Amino acid sequence: MSDGEAPVGGMNLAALAEGFVGSEDVLAQMLGLFETQARERVAELDAALAAGDSAAGRKTLHSLVNIAGAVRAYALADLAKRAGEALRAEDLPAAREVAVALGQEAVLVLRQTSHLLALHRQSPALIWNSPLPR
């Protein structure tokens, strides 16, 4: 990916495989944490933006960048960074606009998270042999 090019949405399964083949139980734990924390962070971001609280929004977005990166959800992390930059510039309308796309991307990544966790419950090796839902 070149500078300025937006990452493809959803999780990067190849990047997950690089980090977690052979450690599927660790991946499942991370995905479980992500599932809970991402829902919380998106709700916190919505509340912060509704209240016009840039500081709370930036704190939430920083956390979202970290957890998205951990599960190789690069587009979600990119959107969180962009929303954080808008808040740092005190541009609430721009942050709210990016937050809409961020919410949509979070839904996709959470759907993929649920899919991978279901595969892990069946057989951890299945994680690497199934395309992610779009």
Protein backbone atom coordinates (compact mmCIF):
# COMPACT_ATOMS: atom_id res chain seq x y z
CA MET A 1 0.00 0.00 0.00
CA SER A 2 1.47 3.35 -1.00
CA ASP A 3 1.25 6.59 0.96
CA GLY A 4 -2.18 8.13 0.70
CA GLU A 5 -3.79 4.89 -0.46
CA ALA A 6 -6.67 3.81 1.77
CA PRO A 7 -6.43 0.33 3.26
CA VAL A 8 -8.95 -2.26 2.08
CA GLY A 9 -11.82 -2.63 4.52
CA GLY A 10 -12.15 -5.40 7.05
CA MET A 11 -9.45 -7.53 8.60
CA ASN A 12 -6.35 -8.57 6.73
CA LEU A 13 -6.44 -12.37 7.03
CA ALA A 14 -2.93 -12.77 5.58
CA ALA A 15 -1.54 -10.42 8.22
CA LEU A 16 -3.45 -12.30 10.94
CA ALA A 17 -1.96 -15.55 9.66
CA GLU A 18 1.56 -14.10 9.78
CA GLY A 19 1.14 -13.28 13.43
CA PHE A 20 -1.08 -16.08 14.69
CA VAL A 21 -0.75 -19.36 12.74
CA GLY A 22 -0.07 -21.90 15.47
CA SER A 23 -1.42 -19.51 18.11
CA GLU A 24 -5.10 -19.67 17.25
CA ASP A 25 -6.16 -19.74 20.91
CA VAL A 26 -4.31 -16.47 21.51
CA LEU A 27 -5.98 -15.01 18.44
CA ALA A 28 -9.40 -16.10 19.71
CA GLN A 29 -8.72 -14.38 23.03
CA MET A 30 -7.71 -11.19 21.22
CA LEU A 31 -10.77 -11.35 19.01
CA GLY A 32 -13.01 -11.80 22.04
CA LEU A 33 -11.47 -8.74 23.69
CA PHE A 34 -11.72 -6.78 20.46
CA GLU A 35 -15.38 -7.66 20.09
CA THR A 36 -16.21 -6.24 23.53
CA GLN A 37 -13.89 -3.27 23.41
CA ALA A 38 -14.74 -2.18 19.87
CA ARG A 39 -18.44 -2.04 20.69
CA GLU A 40 -17.66 0.00 23.80
CA ARG A 41 -15.30 2.38 21.97
CA VAL A 42 -17.76 3.05 19.15
CA ALA A 43 -20.48 3.84 21.70
CA GLU A 44 -18.06 6.07 23.64
CA LEU A 45 -17.08 7.87 20.44
CA ASP A 46 -20.71 8.47 19.52
CA ALA A 47 -21.36 9.90 23.00
CA ALA A 48 -18.26 12.11 22.88
CA LEU A 49 -19.13 13.48 19.46
CA ALA A 50 -22.75 14.10 20.47
CA ALA A 51 -21.49 16.05 23.49
CA GLY A 52 -18.85 17.89 21.43
CA ASP A 53 -16.15 16.53 23.74
CA SER A 54 -13.03 16.45 21.57
CA ALA A 55 -10.73 15.29 24.38
CA ALA A 56 -12.88 12.26 25.21
CA GLY A 57 -13.28 11.48 21.52
CA ARG A 58 -9.52 11.58 20.92
CA LYS A 59 -8.87 9.31 23.90
CA THR A 60 -11.44 6.82 22.63
CA LEU A 61 -10.06 6.96 19.09
CA HIS A 62 -6.52 6.34 20.33
CA SER A 63 -7.73 3.16 22.00
CA LEU A 64 -9.66 2.16 18.88
CA VAL A 65 -6.56 2.58 16.71
CA ASN A 66 -4.65 0.23 19.00
CA ILE A 67 -7.26 -2.51 19.19
CA ALA A 68 -7.99 -2.34 15.46
CA GLY A 69 -4.30 -2.71 14.65
CA ALA A 70 -4.03 -5.71 16.94
CA VAL A 71 -6.61 -7.60 14.86
CA ARG A 72 -5.20 -6.29 11.58
CA ALA A 73 -8.25 -4.13 10.82
CA TYR A 74 -6.19 -1.49 9.08
CA ALA A 75 -9.03 0.47 7.47
CA LEU A 76 -10.73 0.79 10.86
CA ALA A 77 -7.48 2.01 12.41
CA ASP A 78 -7.03 4.48 9.53
CA LEU A 79 -10.54 5.89 9.99
CA ALA A 80 -9.95 6.25 13.73
CA LYS A 81 -6.72 8.15 13.02
CA ARG A 82 -8.52 10.44 10.56
CA ALA A 83 -11.30 11.16 13.06
CA GLY A 84 -8.66 11.87 15.71
CA GLU A 85 -6.88 14.30 13.39
CA ALA A 86 -10.18 16.12 12.79
CA LEU A 87 -10.78 16.36 16.53
CA ARG A 88 -7.23 17.58 17.13
CA ALA A 89 -8.00 20.35 14.61
CA GLU A 90 -11.27 21.02 16.50
CA ASP A 91 -13.24 20.17 13.34
CA LEU A 92 -16.23 18.40 14.87
CA PRO A 93 -18.25 18.25 11.62
CA ALA A 94 -15.37 16.46 9.86
CA ALA A 95 -14.91 14.11 12.82
CA ARG A 96 -18.61 13.27 12.78
CA GLU A 97 -18.47 12.59 9.05
CA VAL A 98 -15.51 10.23 9.44
CA ALA A 99 -17.24 8.61 12.42
CA VAL A 100 -20.11 7.51 10.15
CA ALA A 101 -17.67 5.61 7.92
CA LEU A 102 -15.87 4.34 11.03
CA GLY A 103 -19.14 2.95 12.38
CA GLN A 104 -19.81 1.14 9.11
CA GLU A 105 -16.29 -0.28 9.07
CA ALA A 106 -16.65 -1.38 12.71
CA VAL A 107 -19.80 -3.33 11.77
CA LEU A 108 -17.85 -5.16 9.06
CA VAL A 109 -14.91 -5.96 11.33
CA LEU A 110 -17.23 -7.12 14.12
CA ARG A 111 -19.02 -9.41 11.62
CA GLN A 112 -15.64 -10.84 10.63
CA THR A 113 -14.67 -11.20 14.29
CA SER A 114 -17.83 -13.20 15.01
CA HIS A 115 -17.14 -15.38 11.96
CA LEU A 116 -13.57 -16.15 13.04
CA LEU A 117 -14.65 -16.91 16.60
CA ALA A 118 -17.33 -19.31 15.33
CA LEU A 119 -14.74 -21.06 13.15
CA HIS A 120 -12.36 -21.29 16.10
CA ARG A 121 -15.07 -22.98 18.18
CA GLN A 122 -15.51 -25.59 15.42
CA SER A 123 -11.79 -26.14 14.82
CA PRO A 124 -9.02 -23.54 15.18
CA ALA A 125 -7.43 -24.53 11.85
CA LEU A 126 -10.62 -23.50 10.01
CA ILE A 127 -9.76 -19.85 10.64
CA TRP A 128 -7.20 -19.91 7.84
CA ASN A 129 -9.34 -21.79 5.31
CA SER A 130 -12.43 -19.63 5.11
CA PRO A 131 -12.89 -16.28 3.40
CA LEU A 132 -13.95 -13.44 5.64
CA PRO A 133 -17.50 -12.17 5.18
CA ARG A 134 -17.83 -8.81 3.45
